[in-house]
Amino acid sequence: MNKIFGVVYGLVAVLGFVVGDGLLLGLNSNNMADTWLHVVIAIVSLIIGFAPNGEPTATAG
C-alpha cells in the first residue's frame, strides 16, 4: 500500500513542478511548499514500502 501511495505522491510532486504555482489539474491550488511536501511524503512512503519487513524468509535446503 505504501508503494502505491508513494508513487501517486511522486506523480503529484512531478505535476506540481510542471504546473508551478497555480491550479493542479484545475482542481486544487498548488505552490512550491506543497510540491516539496509531496516530494518528502513520496520519499518516506517509498522507503517504508520497499523496506524489508523483518520477517524471516523460507530457504530451500
Protein backbone atom coordinates (compact mmCIF):
# COMPACT_ATOMS: atom_id res chain seq x y z
CA MET A 1 0.00 0.00 0.00
CA ASN A 2 2.82 2.42 0.84
CA LYS A 3 4.40 1.73 -2.54
CA ILE A 4 1.27 2.86 -4.38
CA PHE A 5 0.86 5.85 -2.05
CA GLY A 6 4.48 6.86 -2.66
CA VAL A 7 4.18 6.55 -6.43
CA VAL A 8 0.98 8.59 -6.50
CA TYR A 9 2.51 11.33 -4.35
CA GLY A 10 5.60 11.25 -6.56
CA LEU A 11 3.45 11.82 -9.62
CA VAL A 12 1.63 14.67 -7.87
CA ALA A 13 5.01 16.19 -6.98
CA VAL A 14 6.22 16.00 -10.59
CA LEU A 15 2.96 17.53 -11.75
CA GLY A 16 3.42 20.28 -9.17
CA PHE A 17 6.88 21.09 -10.53
CA VAL A 18 5.49 21.21 -14.07
CA VAL A 19 2.49 23.39 -13.22
CA GLY A 20 4.24 25.56 -10.62
CA ASP A 21 2.08 27.95 -8.64
CA GLY A 22 -1.49 27.61 -9.78
CA LEU A 23 -4.25 25.08 -10.11
CA LEU A 24 -3.28 21.43 -10.22
CA LEU A 25 -5.45 19.78 -12.91
CA GLY A 26 -7.90 22.64 -12.38
CA LEU A 27 -8.95 21.11 -9.06
CA ASN A 28 -6.59 22.18 -6.30
CA SER A 29 -4.32 25.16 -5.77
CA ASN A 30 -0.62 24.40 -5.57
CA ASN A 31 2.54 26.21 -4.52
CA MET A 32 6.18 25.19 -4.19
CA ALA A 33 5.83 24.40 -0.48
CA ASP A 34 3.07 21.91 -1.35
CA THR A 35 5.21 20.39 -4.09
CA TRP A 36 8.20 19.87 -1.78
CA LEU A 37 5.89 18.40 0.87
CA HIS A 38 4.65 15.91 -1.73
CA VAL A 39 8.26 15.02 -2.55
CA VAL A 40 9.02 14.31 1.11
CA ILE A 41 5.83 12.27 1.58
CA ALA A 42 6.60 10.27 -1.57
CA ILE A 43 10.18 9.52 -0.47
CA VAL A 44 9.16 8.47 3.04
CA SER A 45 6.31 6.31 1.72
CA LEU A 46 8.56 4.61 -0.83
CA ILE A 47 11.24 3.94 1.81
CA ILE A 48 8.64 2.39 4.11
CA GLY A 49 7.03 0.48 1.24
CA PHE A 50 10.26 -1.05 -0.06
CA ALA A 51 11.95 -1.60 3.32
CA PRO A 52 12.41 -5.19 4.43
CA ASN A 53 9.60 -6.24 6.74
CA GLY A 54 11.82 -8.19 9.11
CA GLU A 55 10.03 -11.50 8.60
CA PRO A 56 12.34 -14.45 8.04
CA THR A 57 12.18 -15.94 4.57
CA ALA A 58 12.00 -19.65 3.93
CA THR A 59 15.01 -21.07 2.13
CA ALA A 60 15.14 -24.30 0.21
CA GLY A 61 17.61 -26.56 1.83
